[in-house]
PDB file of all heavy atoms in Angstrom:
ATOM      1  N   ARG A   1      -8.413 -25.712  13.083  1.00  0.00           N
ATOM      2  CA  ARG A   1      -8.779 -27.008  13.660  1.00  0.00           C
ATOM      3  C   ARG A   1      -8.736 -28.102  12.594  1.00  0.00           C
ATOM      4  O   ARG A   1      -9.158 -27.896  11.465  1.00  0.00           O
ATOM      5  CB  ARG A   1     -10.189 -26.944  14.234  1.00  0.00           C
ATOM      6  CG  ARG A   1     -10.314 -25.993  15.386  1.00  0.00           C
ATOM      7  CD  ARG A   1     -11.696 -26.029  15.961  1.00  0.00           C
ATOM      8  NE  ARG A   1     -11.830 -25.057  17.040  1.00  0.00           N
ATOM      9  CZ  ARG A   1     -12.975 -24.513  17.399  1.00  0.00           C
ATOM     10  NH1 ARG A   1     -14.092 -24.852  16.796  1.00  0.00           N
ATOM     11  NH2 ARG A   1     -13.010 -23.638  18.377  1.00  0.00           N
ATOM     12  N   ASP A   2      -8.266 -29.255  12.992  1.00  0.00           N
ATOM     13  CA  ASP A   2      -8.261 -30.462  12.167  1.00  0.00           C
ATOM     14  C   ASP A   2      -7.665 -30.241  10.773  1.00  0.00           C
ATOM     15  O   ASP A   2      -8.283 -30.587   9.763  1.00  0.00           O
ATOM     16  CB  ASP A   2      -9.683 -31.027  12.033  1.00  0.00           C
ATOM     17  CG  ASP A   2     -10.323 -31.297  13.380  1.00  0.00           C
ATOM     18  OD1 ASP A   2      -9.609 -31.807  14.263  1.00  0.00           O
ATOM     19  OD2 ASP A   2     -11.514 -30.987  13.553  1.00  0.00           O
ATOM     20  N   PRO A   3      -6.445 -29.691  10.688  1.00  0.00           N
ATOM     21  CA  PRO A   3      -5.860 -29.476   9.365  1.00  0.00           C
ATOM     22  C   PRO A   3      -5.494 -30.792   8.678  1.00  0.00           C
ATOM     23  O   PRO A   3      -5.055 -31.742   9.326  1.00  0.00           O
ATOM     24  CB  PRO A   3      -4.606 -28.658   9.664  1.00  0.00           C
ATOM     25  CG  PRO A   3      -4.250 -29.011  11.069  1.00  0.00           C
ATOM     26  CD  PRO A   3      -5.559 -29.274  11.767  1.00  0.00           C
ATOM     27  N   VAL A   4      -5.728 -30.825   7.386  1.00  0.00           N
ATOM     28  CA  VAL A   4      -5.316 -31.946   6.544  1.00  0.00           C
ATOM     29  C   VAL A   4      -4.354 -31.358   5.518  1.00  0.00           C
ATOM     30  O   VAL A   4      -4.728 -30.485   4.732  1.00  0.00           O
ATOM     31  CB  VAL A   4      -6.519 -32.610   5.841  1.00  0.00           C
ATOM     32  CG1 VAL A   4      -6.050 -33.694   4.888  1.00  0.00           C
ATOM     33  CG2 VAL A   4      -7.494 -33.156   6.865  1.00  0.00           C
ATOM     34  N   VAL A   5      -3.095 -31.822   5.537  1.00  0.00           N
ATOM     35  CA  VAL A   5      -2.049 -31.267   4.687  1.00  0.00           C
ATOM     36  C   VAL A   5      -1.693 -32.277   3.603  1.00  0.00           C
ATOM     37  O   VAL A   5      -1.434 -33.448   3.900  1.00  0.00           O
ATOM     38  CB  VAL A   5      -0.792 -30.925   5.520  1.00  0.00           C
ATOM     39  CG1 VAL A   5       0.302 -30.355   4.638  1.00  0.00           C
ATOM     40  CG2 VAL A   5      -1.143 -29.979   6.657  1.00  0.00           C
ATOM     41  N   GLN A   6      -1.676 -31.804   2.360  1.00  0.00           N
ATOM     42  CA  GLN A   6      -1.266 -32.634   1.225  1.00  0.00           C
ATOM     43  C   GLN A   6      -0.144 -31.897   0.511  1.00  0.00           C
ATOM     44  O   GLN A   6      -0.358 -30.793  -0.005  1.00  0.00           O
ATOM     45  CB  GLN A   6      -2.431 -32.866   0.275  1.00  0.00           C
ATOM     46  CG  GLN A   6      -3.582 -33.620   0.912  1.00  0.00           C
ATOM     47  CD  GLN A   6      -4.800 -33.665   0.015  1.00  0.00           C
ATOM     48  OE1 GLN A   6      -5.203 -32.644  -0.545  1.00  0.00           O
ATOM     49  NE2 GLN A   6      -5.384 -34.842  -0.106  1.00  0.00           N
ATOM     50  N   VAL A   7       1.047 -32.501   0.484  1.00  0.00           N
ATOM     51  CA  VAL A   7       2.212 -31.896  -0.155  1.00  0.00           C
ATOM     52  C   VAL A   7       2.503 -32.638  -1.443  1.00  0.00           C
ATOM     53  O   VAL A   7       2.501 -33.870  -1.481  1.00  0.00           O
ATOM     54  CB  VAL A   7       3.439 -31.931   0.780  1.00  0.00           C
ATOM     55  CG1 VAL A   7       4.659 -31.344   0.098  1.00  0.00           C
ATOM     56  CG2 VAL A   7       3.141 -31.199   2.083  1.00  0.00           C
ATOM     57  N   ASP A   8       2.762 -31.861  -2.509  1.00  0.00           N
ATOM     58  CA  ASP A   8       3.123 -32.435  -3.805  1.00  0.00           C
ATOM     59  C   ASP A   8       4.301 -31.626  -4.346  1.00  0.00           C
ATOM     60  O   ASP A   8       4.105 -30.596  -5.000  1.00  0.00           O
ATOM     61  CB  ASP A   8       1.932 -32.369  -4.759  1.00  0.00           C
ATOM     62  CG  ASP A   8       2.215 -33.042  -6.098  1.00  0.00           C
ATOM     63  OD1 ASP A   8       3.223 -33.767  -6.207  1.00  0.00           O
ATOM     64  OD2 ASP A   8       1.420 -32.836  -7.035  1.00  0.00           O
ATOM     65  N   GLY A   9       5.504 -32.047  -3.995  1.00  0.00           N
ATOM     66  CA  GLY A   9       6.702 -31.322  -4.421  1.00  0.00           C
ATOM     67  C   GLY A   9       6.778 -29.949  -3.785  1.00  0.00           C
ATOM     68  O   GLY A   9       6.870 -29.835  -2.574  1.00  0.00           O
ATOM     69  N   ASN A  10       6.720 -28.923  -4.616  1.00  0.00           N
ATOM     70  CA  ASN A  10       6.818 -27.548  -4.133  1.00  0.00           C
ATOM     71  C   ASN A  10       5.470 -26.870  -3.952  1.00  0.00           C
ATOM     72  O   ASN A  10       5.399 -25.646  -3.815  1.00  0.00           O
ATOM     73  CB  ASN A  10       7.692 -26.714  -5.073  1.00  0.00           C
ATOM     74  CG  ASN A  10       9.151 -27.108  -4.964  1.00  0.00           C
ATOM     75  OD1 ASN A  10       9.641 -27.393  -3.885  1.00  0.00           O
ATOM     76  ND2 ASN A  10       9.846 -27.139  -6.082  1.00  0.00           N
ATOM     77  N   THR A  11       4.399 -27.642  -3.969  1.00  0.00           N
ATOM     78  CA  THR A  11       3.074 -27.088  -3.709  1.00  0.00           C
ATOM     79  C   THR A  11       2.408 -27.907  -2.614  1.00  0.00           C
ATOM     80  O   THR A  11       2.765 -29.059  -2.366  1.00  0.00           O
ATOM     81  CB  THR A  11       2.176 -27.086  -4.969  1.00  0.00           C
ATOM     82  OG1 THR A  11       1.973 -28.429  -5.399  1.00  0.00           O
ATOM     83  CG2 THR A  11       2.790 -26.256  -6.085  1.00  0.00           C
ATOM     84  N   ALA A  12       1.433 -27.297  -1.965  1.00  0.00           N
ATOM     85  CA  ALA A  12       0.709 -27.995  -0.909  1.00  0.00           C
ATOM     86  C   ALA A  12      -0.704 -27.436  -0.824  1.00  0.00           C
ATOM     87  O   ALA A  12      -0.984 -26.320  -1.275  1.00  0.00           O
ATOM     88  CB  ALA A  12       1.415 -27.827   0.430  1.00  0.00           C
ATOM     89  N   ARG A  13      -1.569 -28.259  -0.260  1.00  0.00           N
ATOM     90  CA  ARG A  13      -2.951 -27.849  -0.011  1.00  0.00           C
ATOM     91  C   ARG A  13      -3.273 -28.207   1.427  1.00  0.00           C
ATOM     92  O   ARG A  13      -2.985 -29.311   1.890  1.00  0.00           O
ATOM     93  CB  ARG A  13      -3.878 -28.588  -0.972  1.00  0.00           C
ATOM     94  CG  ARG A  13      -5.296 -28.086  -0.898  1.00  0.00           C
ATOM     95  CD  ARG A  13      -6.129 -28.665  -2.002  1.00  0.00           C
ATOM     96  NE  ARG A  13      -6.396 -30.068  -1.693  1.00  0.00           N
ATOM     97  CZ  ARG A  13      -6.841 -30.948  -2.570  1.00  0.00           C
ATOM     98  NH1 ARG A  13      -7.026 -30.602  -3.810  1.00  0.00           N
ATOM     99  NH2 ARG A  13      -7.088 -32.180  -2.204  1.00  0.00           N
ATOM    100  N   VAL A  14      -3.867 -27.264   2.151  1.00  0.00           N
ATOM    101  CA  VAL A  14      -4.259 -27.481   3.540  1.00  0.00           C
ATOM    102  C   VAL A  14      -5.746 -27.187   3.658  1.00  0.00           C
ATOM    103  O   VAL A  14      -6.189 -26.086   3.338  1.00  0.00           O
ATOM    104  CB  VAL A  14      -3.471 -26.570   4.507  1.00  0.00           C
ATOM    105  CG1 VAL A  14      -3.929 -26.809   5.940  1.00  0.00           C
ATOM    106  CG2 VAL A  14      -1.976 -26.793   4.367  1.00  0.00           C
ATOM    107  N   SER A  15      -6.507 -28.179   4.097  1.00  0.00           N
ATOM    108  CA  SER A  15      -7.935 -27.999   4.361  1.00  0.00           C
ATOM    109  C   SER A  15      -8.126 -28.058   5.866  1.00  0.00           C
ATOM    110  O   SER A  15      -7.553 -28.923   6.537  1.00  0.00           O
ATOM    111  CB  SER A  15      -8.747 -29.112   3.702  1.00  0.00           C
ATOM    112  OG  SER A  15      -8.531 -29.110   2.309  1.00  0.00           O
ATOM    113  N   ALA A  16      -8.913 -27.122   6.395  1.00  0.00           N
ATOM    114  CA  ALA A  16      -9.111 -27.065   7.841  1.00  0.00           C
ATOM    115  C   ALA A  16     -10.374 -26.276   8.150  1.00  0.00           C
ATOM    116  O   ALA A  16     -10.932 -25.605   7.286  1.00  0.00           O
ATOM    117  CB  ALA A  16      -7.919 -26.401   8.510  1.00  0.00           C
ATOM    118  N   THR A  17     -10.789 -26.357   9.401  1.00  0.00           N
ATOM    119  CA  THR A  17     -11.845 -25.489   9.906  1.00  0.00           C
ATOM    120  C   THR A  17     -11.171 -24.335  10.621  1.00  0.00           C
ATOM    121  O   THR A  17     -10.303 -24.554  11.466  1.00  0.00           O
ATOM    122  CB  THR A  17     -12.761 -26.241  10.880  1.00  0.00           C
ATOM    123  OG1 THR A  17     -13.384 -27.319  10.185  1.00  0.00           O
ATOM    124  CG2 THR A  17     -13.819 -25.318  11.456  1.00  0.00           C
ATOM    125  N   LEU A  18     -11.542 -23.113  10.256  1.00  0.00           N
ATOM    126  CA  LEU A  18     -11.027 -21.937  10.944  1.00  0.00           C
ATOM    127  C   LEU A  18     -12.097 -21.440  11.901  1.00  0.00           C
ATOM    128  O   LEU A  18     -13.221 -21.158  11.493  1.00  0.00           O
ATOM    129  CB  LEU A  18     -10.675 -20.825   9.958  1.00  0.00           C
ATOM    130  CG  LEU A  18      -9.539 -21.112   8.985  1.00  0.00           C
ATOM    131  CD1 LEU A  18      -9.228 -19.860   8.172  1.00  0.00           C
ATOM    132  CD2 LEU A  18      -8.294 -21.606   9.696  1.00  0.00           C
ATOM    133  N   ALA A  19     -11.741 -21.360  13.172  1.00  0.00           N
ATOM    134  CA  ALA A  19     -12.644 -20.830  14.194  1.00  0.00           C
ATOM    135  C   ALA A  19     -12.222 -19.388  14.450  1.00  0.00           C
ATOM    136  O   ALA A  19     -11.107 -19.141  14.913  1.00  0.00           O
ATOM    137  CB  ALA A  19     -12.548 -21.650  15.468  1.00  0.00           C
ATOM    138  N   ARG A  20     -13.109 -18.456  14.114  1.00  0.00           N
ATOM    139  CA  ARG A  20     -12.800 -17.027  14.283  1.00  0.00           C
ATOM    140  C   ARG A  20     -13.568 -16.465  15.467  1.00  0.00           C
ATOM    141  O   ARG A  20     -14.750 -16.752  15.637  1.00  0.00           O
ATOM    142  CB  ARG A  20     -13.168 -16.261  13.025  1.00  0.00           C
ATOM    143  CG  ARG A  20     -12.291 -16.591  11.848  1.00  0.00           C
ATOM    144  CD  ARG A  20     -12.710 -15.742  10.642  1.00  0.00           C
ATOM    145  NE  ARG A  20     -11.846 -15.943   9.515  1.00  0.00           N
ATOM    146  CZ  ARG A  20     -12.043 -16.853   8.566  1.00  0.00           C
ATOM    147  NH1 ARG A  20     -13.083 -17.656   8.628  1.00  0.00           N
ATOM    148  NH2 ARG A  20     -11.214 -16.960   7.554  1.00  0.00           N
ATOM    149  N   ARG A  21     -12.895 -15.649  16.248  1.00  0.00           N
ATOM    150  CA  ARG A  21     -13.491 -14.945  17.377  1.00  0.00           C
ATOM    151  C   ARG A  21     -13.109 -13.482  17.213  1.00  0.00           C
ATOM    152  O   ARG A  21     -11.924 -13.130  17.265  1.00  0.00           O
ATOM    153  CB  ARG A  21     -12.982 -15.469  18.711  1.00  0.00           C
ATOM    154  CG  ARG A  21     -13.129 -16.973  18.889  1.00  0.00           C
ATOM    155  CD  ARG A  21     -14.591 -17.417  18.954  1.00  0.00           C
ATOM    156  NE  ARG A  21     -14.724 -18.868  19.016  1.00  0.00           N
ATOM    157  CZ  ARG A  21     -15.056 -19.628  17.988  1.00  0.00           C
ATOM    158  NH1 ARG A  21     -15.296 -19.105  16.799  1.00  0.00           N
ATOM    159  NH2 ARG A  21     -15.191 -20.937  18.122  1.00  0.00           N
ATOM    160  N   ILE A  22     -14.113 -12.630  16.998  1.00  0.00           N
ATOM    161  CA  ILE A  22     -13.863 -11.230  16.665  1.00  0.00           C
ATOM    162  C   ILE A  22     -14.554 -10.317  17.675  1.00  0.00           C
ATOM    163  O   ILE A  22     -15.726 -10.519  17.998  1.00  0.00           O
ATOM    164  CB  ILE A  22     -14.392 -10.924  15.246  1.00  0.00           C
ATOM    165  CG1 ILE A  22     -13.718 -11.854  14.234  1.00  0.00           C
ATOM    166  CG2 ILE A  22     -14.172  -9.460  14.885  1.00  0.00           C
ATOM    167  CD1 ILE A  22     -14.392 -11.885  12.877  1.00  0.00           C
ATOM    168  N   VAL A  23     -13.811  -9.329  18.141  1.00  0.00           N
ATOM    169  CA  VAL A  23     -14.383  -8.298  19.005  1.00  0.00           C
ATOM    170  C   VAL A  23     -14.233  -6.974  18.255  1.00  0.00           C
ATOM    171  O   VAL A  23     -13.124  -6.424  18.164  1.00  0.00           O
ATOM    172  CB  VAL A  23     -13.674  -8.232  20.374  1.00  0.00           C
ATOM    173  CG1 VAL A  23     -14.268  -7.117  21.232  1.00  0.00           C
ATOM    174  CG2 VAL A  23     -13.751  -9.573  21.089  1.00  0.00           C
ATOM    175  N   PRO A  24     -15.340  -6.475  17.693  1.00  0.00           N
ATOM    176  CA  PRO A  24     -15.261  -5.216  16.944  1.00  0.00           C
ATOM    177  C   PRO A  24     -15.119  -4.021  17.871  1.00  0.00           C
ATOM    178  O   PRO A  24     -15.451  -4.087  19.059  1.00  0.00           O
ATOM    179  CB  PRO A  24     -16.592  -5.173  16.187  1.00  0.00           C
ATOM    180  CG  PRO A  24     -17.520  -6.021  16.984  1.00  0.00           C
ATOM    181  CD  PRO A  24     -16.672  -7.053  17.671  1.00  0.00           C
ATOM    182  N   ARG A  25     -14.630  -2.930  17.340  1.00  0.00           N
ATOM    183  CA  ARG A  25     -14.535  -1.685  18.116  1.00  0.00           C
ATOM    184  C   ARG A  25     -15.942  -1.185  18.446  1.00  0.00           C
ATOM    185  O   ARG A  25     -16.149  -0.568  19.484  1.00  0.00           O
ATOM    186  CB  ARG A  25     -13.760  -0.631  17.345  1.00  0.00           C
ATOM    187  CG  ARG A  25     -12.300  -0.994  17.180  1.00  0.00           C
ATOM    188  CD  ARG A  25     -11.482   0.173  16.653  1.00  0.00           C
ATOM    189  NE  ARG A  25     -10.136  -0.257  16.355  1.00  0.00           N
ATOM    190  CZ  ARG A  25      -9.169  -0.401  17.245  1.00  0.00           C
ATOM    191  NH1 ARG A  25      -9.408  -0.173  18.505  1.00  0.00           N
ATOM    192  NH2 ARG A  25      -7.969  -0.793  16.881  1.00  0.00           N
ATOM    193  N   VAL A  26     -16.890  -1.428  17.543  1.00  0.00           N
ATOM    194  CA  VAL A  26     -18.286  -1.042  17.753  1.00  0.00           C
ATOM    195  C   VAL A  26     -19.146  -2.273  17.485  1.00  0.00           C
ATOM    196  O   VAL A  26     -18.981  -2.934  16.462  1.00  0.00           O
ATOM    197  CB  VAL A  26     -18.697   0.093  16.781  1.00  0.00           C
ATOM    198  CG1 VAL A  26     -20.163   0.427  16.950  1.00  0.00           C
ATOM    199  CG2 VAL A  26     -17.829   1.319  16.989  1.00  0.00           C
ATOM    200  N   GLY A  27     -20.040  -2.590  18.398  1.00  0.00           N
ATOM    201  CA  GLY A  27     -20.927  -3.734  18.207  1.00  0.00           C
ATOM    202  C   GLY A  27     -20.569  -4.903  19.098  1.00  0.00           C
ATOM    203  O   GLY A  27     -19.716  -4.802  19.985  1.00  0.00           O
ATOM    204  N   ASN A  28     -21.251  -6.010  18.855  1.00  0.00           N
ATOM    205  CA  ASN A  28     -21.120  -7.205  19.691  1.00  0.00           C
ATOM    206  C   ASN A  28     -20.049  -8.159  19.167  1.00  0.00           C
ATOM    207  O   ASN A  28     -19.835  -8.255  17.957  1.00  0.00           O
ATOM    208  CB  ASN A  28     -22.462  -7.937  19.741  1.00  0.00           C
ATOM    209  CG  ASN A  28     -23.526  -7.094  20.401  1.00  0.00           C
ATOM    210  OD1 ASN A  28     -23.282  -6.451  21.409  1.00  0.00           O
ATOM    211  ND2 ASN A  28     -24.722  -7.089  19.825  1.00  0.00           N
ATOM    212  N   PRO A  29     -19.425  -8.910  20.076  1.00  0.00           N
ATOM    213  CA  PRO A  29     -18.467  -9.933  19.652  1.00  0.00           C
ATOM    214  C   PRO A  29     -19.136 -10.957  18.727  1.00  0.00           C
ATOM    215  O   PRO A  29     -20.340 -11.208  18.820  1.00  0.00           O
ATOM    216  CB  PRO A  29     -18.034 -10.591  20.960  1.00  0.00           C
ATOM    217  CG  PRO A  29     -18.293  -9.556  21.999  1.00  0.00           C
ATOM    218  CD  PRO A  29     -19.513  -8.820  21.527  1.00  0.00           C
ATOM    219  N   GLN A  30     -18.337 -11.522  17.850  1.00  0.00           N
ATOM    220  CA  GLN A  30     -18.825 -12.508  16.889  1.00  0.00           C
ATOM    221  C   GLN A  30     -17.941 -13.752  16.958  1.00  0.00           C
ATOM    222  O   GLN A  30     -16.749 -13.649  17.231  1.00  0.00           O
ATOM    223  CB  GLN A  30     -18.777 -11.942  15.468  1.00  0.00           C
ATOM    224  CG  GLN A  30     -19.521 -10.652  15.290  1.00  0.00           C
ATOM    225  CD  GLN A  30     -19.200  -9.998  13.958  1.00  0.00           C
ATOM    226  OE1 GLN A  30     -18.528 -10.558  13.106  1.00  0.00           O
ATOM    227  NE2 GLN A  30     -19.694  -8.789  13.774  1.00  0.00           N
ATOM    228  N   ALA A  31     -18.546 -14.891  16.683  1.00  0.00           N
ATOM    229  CA  ALA A  31     -17.793 -16.138  16.628  1.00  0.00           C
ATOM    230  C   ALA A  31     -18.390 -16.990  15.520  1.00  0.00           C
ATOM    231  O   ALA A  31     -19.610 -17.113  15.409  1.00  0.00           O
ATOM    232  CB  ALA A  31     -17.880 -16.877  17.959  1.00  0.00           C
ATOM    233  N   PHE A  32     -17.534 -17.539  14.666  1.00  0.00           N
ATOM    234  CA  PHE A  32     -18.030 -18.432  13.624  1.00  0.00           C
ATOM    235  C   PHE A  32     -16.901 -19.323  13.134  1.00  0.00           C
ATOM    236  O   PHE A  32     -15.732 -18.992  13.262  1.00  0.00           O
ATOM    237  CB  PHE A  32     -18.671 -17.653  12.467  1.00  0.00           C
ATOM    238  CG  PHE A  32     -17.756 -16.672  11.779  1.00  0.00           C
ATOM    239  CD1 PHE A  32     -17.056 -17.027  10.648  1.00  0.00           C
ATOM    240  CD2 PHE A  32     -17.607 -15.385  12.270  1.00  0.00           C
ATOM    241  CE1 PHE A  32     -16.220 -16.119  10.013  1.00  0.00           C
ATOM    242  CE2 PHE A  32     -16.777 -14.475  11.644  1.00  0.00           C
ATOM    243  CZ  PHE A  32     -16.078 -14.852  10.507  1.00  0.00           C
ATOM    244  N   ASP A  33     -17.297 -20.469  12.619  1.00  0.00           N
ATOM    245  CA  ASP A  33     -16.367 -21.447  12.058  1.00  0.00           C
ATOM    246  C   ASP A  33     -16.631 -21.554  10.562  1.00  0.00           C
ATOM    247  O   ASP A  33     -17.773 -21.420  10.122  1.00  0.00           O
ATOM    248  CB  ASP A  33     -16.575 -22.820  12.687  1.00  0.00           C
ATOM    249  CG  ASP A  33     -16.281 -22.860  14.179  1.00  0.00           C
ATOM    250  OD1 ASP A  33     -15.803 -21.841  14.713  1.00  0.00           O
ATOM    251  OD2 ASP A  33     -16.532 -23.895  14.793  1.00  0.00           O
ATOM    252  N   SER A  34     -15.561 -21.797   9.806  1.00  0.00           N
ATOM    253  CA  SER A  34     -15.728 -21.986   8.367  1.00  0.00           C
ATOM    254  C   SER A  34     -14.681 -22.946   7.837  1.00  0.00           C
ATOM    255  O   SER A  34     -13.520 -22.919   8.261  1.00  0.00           O
ATOM    256  CB  SER A  34     -15.640 -20.641   7.631  1.00  0.00           C
ATOM    257  OG  SER A  34     -14.366 -20.056   7.836  1.00  0.00           O
ATOM    258  N   GLY A  35     -15.101 -23.787   6.913  1.00  0.00           N
ATOM    259  CA  GLY A  35     -14.169 -24.667   6.230  1.00  0.00           C
ATOM    260  C   GLY A  35     -13.356 -23.827   5.259  1.00  0.00           C
ATOM    261  O   GLY A  35     -13.906 -22.983   4.549  1.00  0.00           O
ATOM    262  N   THR A  36     -12.041 -24.027   5.256  1.00  0.00           N
ATOM    263  CA  THR A  36     -11.162 -23.196   4.435  1.00  0.00           C
ATOM    264  C   THR A  36     -10.082 -24.065   3.806  1.00  0.00           C
ATOM    265  O   THR A  36      -9.592 -25.006   4.424  1.00  0.00           O
ATOM    266  CB  THR A  36     -10.508 -22.096   5.294  1.00  0.00           C
ATOM    267  OG1 THR A  36     -11.547 -21.362   5.958  1.00  0.00           O
ATOM    268  CG2 THR A  36      -9.686 -21.145   4.464  1.00  0.00           C
ATOM    269  N   GLU A  37      -9.732 -23.717   2.572  1.00  0.00           N
ATOM    270  CA  GLU A  37      -8.634 -24.401   1.899  1.00  0.00           C
ATOM    271  C   GLU A  37      -7.555 -23.385   1.545  1.00  0.00           C
ATOM    272  O   GLU A  37      -7.844 -22.352   0.939  1.00  0.00           O
ATOM    273  CB  GLU A  37      -9.104 -25.081   0.620  1.00  0.00           C
ATOM    274  CG  GLU A  37      -7.971 -25.790  -0.110  1.00  0.00           C
ATOM    275  CD  GLU A  37      -8.428 -26.457  -1.380  1.00  0.00           C
ATOM    276  OE1 GLU A  37      -8.425 -25.782  -2.431  1.00  0.00           O
ATOM    277  OE2 GLU A  37      -8.806 -27.638  -1.315  1.00  0.00           O
ATOM    278  N   PHE A  38      -6.330 -23.681   1.965  1.00  0.00           N
ATOM    279  CA  PHE A  38      -5.173 -22.863   1.635  1.00  0.00           C
ATOM    280  C   PHE A  38      -4.360 -23.603   0.583  1.00  0.00           C
ATOM    281  O   PHE A  38      -4.133 -24.807   0.711  1.00  0.00           O
ATOM    282  CB  PHE A  38      -4.271 -22.668   2.866  1.00  0.00           C
ATOM    283  CG  PHE A  38      -4.904 -21.903   3.977  1.00  0.00           C
ATOM    284  CD1 PHE A  38      -5.685 -22.545   4.925  1.00  0.00           C
ATOM    285  CD2 PHE A  38      -4.710 -20.542   4.091  1.00  0.00           C
ATOM    286  CE1 PHE A  38      -6.260 -21.846   5.976  1.00  0.00           C
ATOM    287  CE2 PHE A  38      -5.285 -19.824   5.136  1.00  0.00           C
ATOM    288  CZ  PHE A  38      -6.063 -20.479   6.071  1.00  0.00           C
ATOM    289  N   ARG A  39      -3.910 -22.888  -0.422  1.00  0.00           N
ATOM    290  CA  ARG A  39      -2.949 -23.434  -1.385  1.00  0.00           C
ATOM    291  C   ARG A  39      -1.636 -22.719  -1.140  1.00  0.00           C
ATOM    292  O   ARG A  39      -1.609 -21.504  -0.951  1.00  0.00           O
ATOM    293  CB  ARG A  39      -3.429 -23.234  -2.804  1.00  0.00           C
ATOM    294  CG  ARG A  39      -4.731 -23.982  -3.029  1.00  0.00           C
ATOM    295  CD  ARG A  39      -4.765 -24.635  -4.342  1.00  0.00           C
ATOM    296  NE  ARG A  39      -6.012 -25.397  -4.448  1.00  0.00           N
ATOM    297  CZ  ARG A  39      -6.088 -26.511  -5.100  1.00  0.00           C
ATOM    298  NH1 ARG A  39      -5.027 -27.005  -5.679  1.00  0.00           N
ATOM    299  NH2 ARG A  39      -7.234 -27.152  -5.169  1.00  0.00           N
ATOM    300  N   LEU A  40      -0.552 -23.501  -1.102  1.00  0.00           N
ATOM    301  CA  LEU A  40       0.760 -22.950  -0.787  1.00  0.00           C
ATOM    302  C   LEU A  40       1.790 -23.336  -1.835  1.00  0.00           C
ATOM    303  O   LEU A  40       1.608 -24.323  -2.567  1.00  0.00           O
ATOM    304  CB  LEU A  40       1.225 -23.454   0.585  1.00  0.00           C
ATOM    305  CG  LEU A  40       0.319 -23.091   1.743  1.00  0.00           C
ATOM    306  CD1 LEU A  40      -0.505 -24.298   2.152  1.00  0.00           C
ATOM    307  CD2 LEU A  40       1.107 -22.578   2.899  1.00  0.00           C
ATOM    308  N   ARG A  41       2.867 -22.567  -1.856  1.00  0.00           N
ATOM    309  CA  ARG A  41       3.992 -22.813  -2.751  1.00  0.00           C
ATOM    310  C   ARG A  41       5.269 -22.623  -1.940  1.00  0.00           C
ATOM    311  O   ARG A  41       5.372 -21.707  -1.138  1.00  0.00           O
ATOM    312  CB  ARG A  41       3.920 -21.818  -3.912  1.00  0.00           C
ATOM    313  CG  ARG A  41       5.158 -21.676  -4.742  1.00  0.00           C
ATOM    314  CD  ARG A  41       4.996 -20.636  -5.857  1.00  0.00           C
ATOM    315  NE  ARG A  41       4.548 -19.325  -5.455  1.00  0.00           N
ATOM    316  CZ  ARG A  41       5.312 -18.379  -4.916  1.00  0.00           C
ATOM    317  NH1 ARG A  41       6.568 -18.620  -4.643  1.00  0.00           N
ATOM    318  NH2 ARG A  41       4.817 -17.198  -4.615  1.00  0.00           N
ATOM    319  N   ARG A  42       6.230 -23.512  -2.198  1.00  0.00           N
ATOM    320  CA  ARG A  42       7.526 -23.374  -1.523  1.00  0.00           C
ATOM    321  C   ARG A  42       8.302 -22.255  -2.211  1.00  0.00           C
ATOM    322  O   ARG A  42       8.410 -22.213  -3.426  1.00  0.00           O
ATOM    323  CB  ARG A  42       8.317 -24.675  -1.598  1.00  0.00           C
ATOM    324  CG  ARG A  42       9.526 -24.687  -0.692  1.00  0.00           C
ATOM    325  CD  ARG A  42      10.377 -25.929  -0.859  1.00  0.00           C
ATOM    326  NE  ARG A  42       9.640 -27.163  -0.995  1.00  0.00           N
ATOM    327  CZ  ARG A  42       9.447 -28.058  -0.019  1.00  0.00           C
ATOM    328  NH1 ARG A  42       9.909 -27.817   1.181  1.00  0.00           N
ATOM    329  NH2 ARG A  42       8.800 -29.172  -0.247  1.00  0.00           N
ATOM    330  N   ASP A  43       8.808 -21.322  -1.407  1.00  0.00           N
ATOM    331  CA  ASP A  43       9.561 -20.179  -1.913  1.00  0.00           C
ATOM    332  C   ASP A  43      10.880 -20.150  -1.163  1.00  0.00           C
ATOM    333  O   ASP A  43      10.962 -19.623  -0.052  1.00  0.00           O
ATOM    334  CB  ASP A  43       8.763 -18.889  -1.680  1.00  0.00           C
ATOM    335  CG  ASP A  43       9.458 -17.652  -2.220  1.00  0.00           C
ATOM    336  OD1 ASP A  43      10.422 -17.792  -3.000  1.00  0.00           O
ATOM    337  OD2 ASP A  43       9.039 -16.538  -1.852  1.00  0.00           O
ATOM    338  N   GLY A  44      11.879 -20.776  -1.748  1.00  0.00           N
ATOM    339  CA  GLY A  44      13.151 -20.911  -1.035  1.00  0.00           C
ATOM    340  C   GLY A  44      12.968 -21.844   0.140  1.00  0.00           C
ATOM    341  O   GLY A  44      12.494 -22.954  -0.006  1.00  0.00           O
TER     342      GLY A  44
END
């Protein structure tokens, strides 16, 4: 959700909120959001 992308040549940074919804094999479903930053590199 709400990604913010910053590109600088062959590198980039993406900040976003990740909304996770998990259904385990054992136990109750879980849901949570977390702020996350991805760093990327152009490869070809």
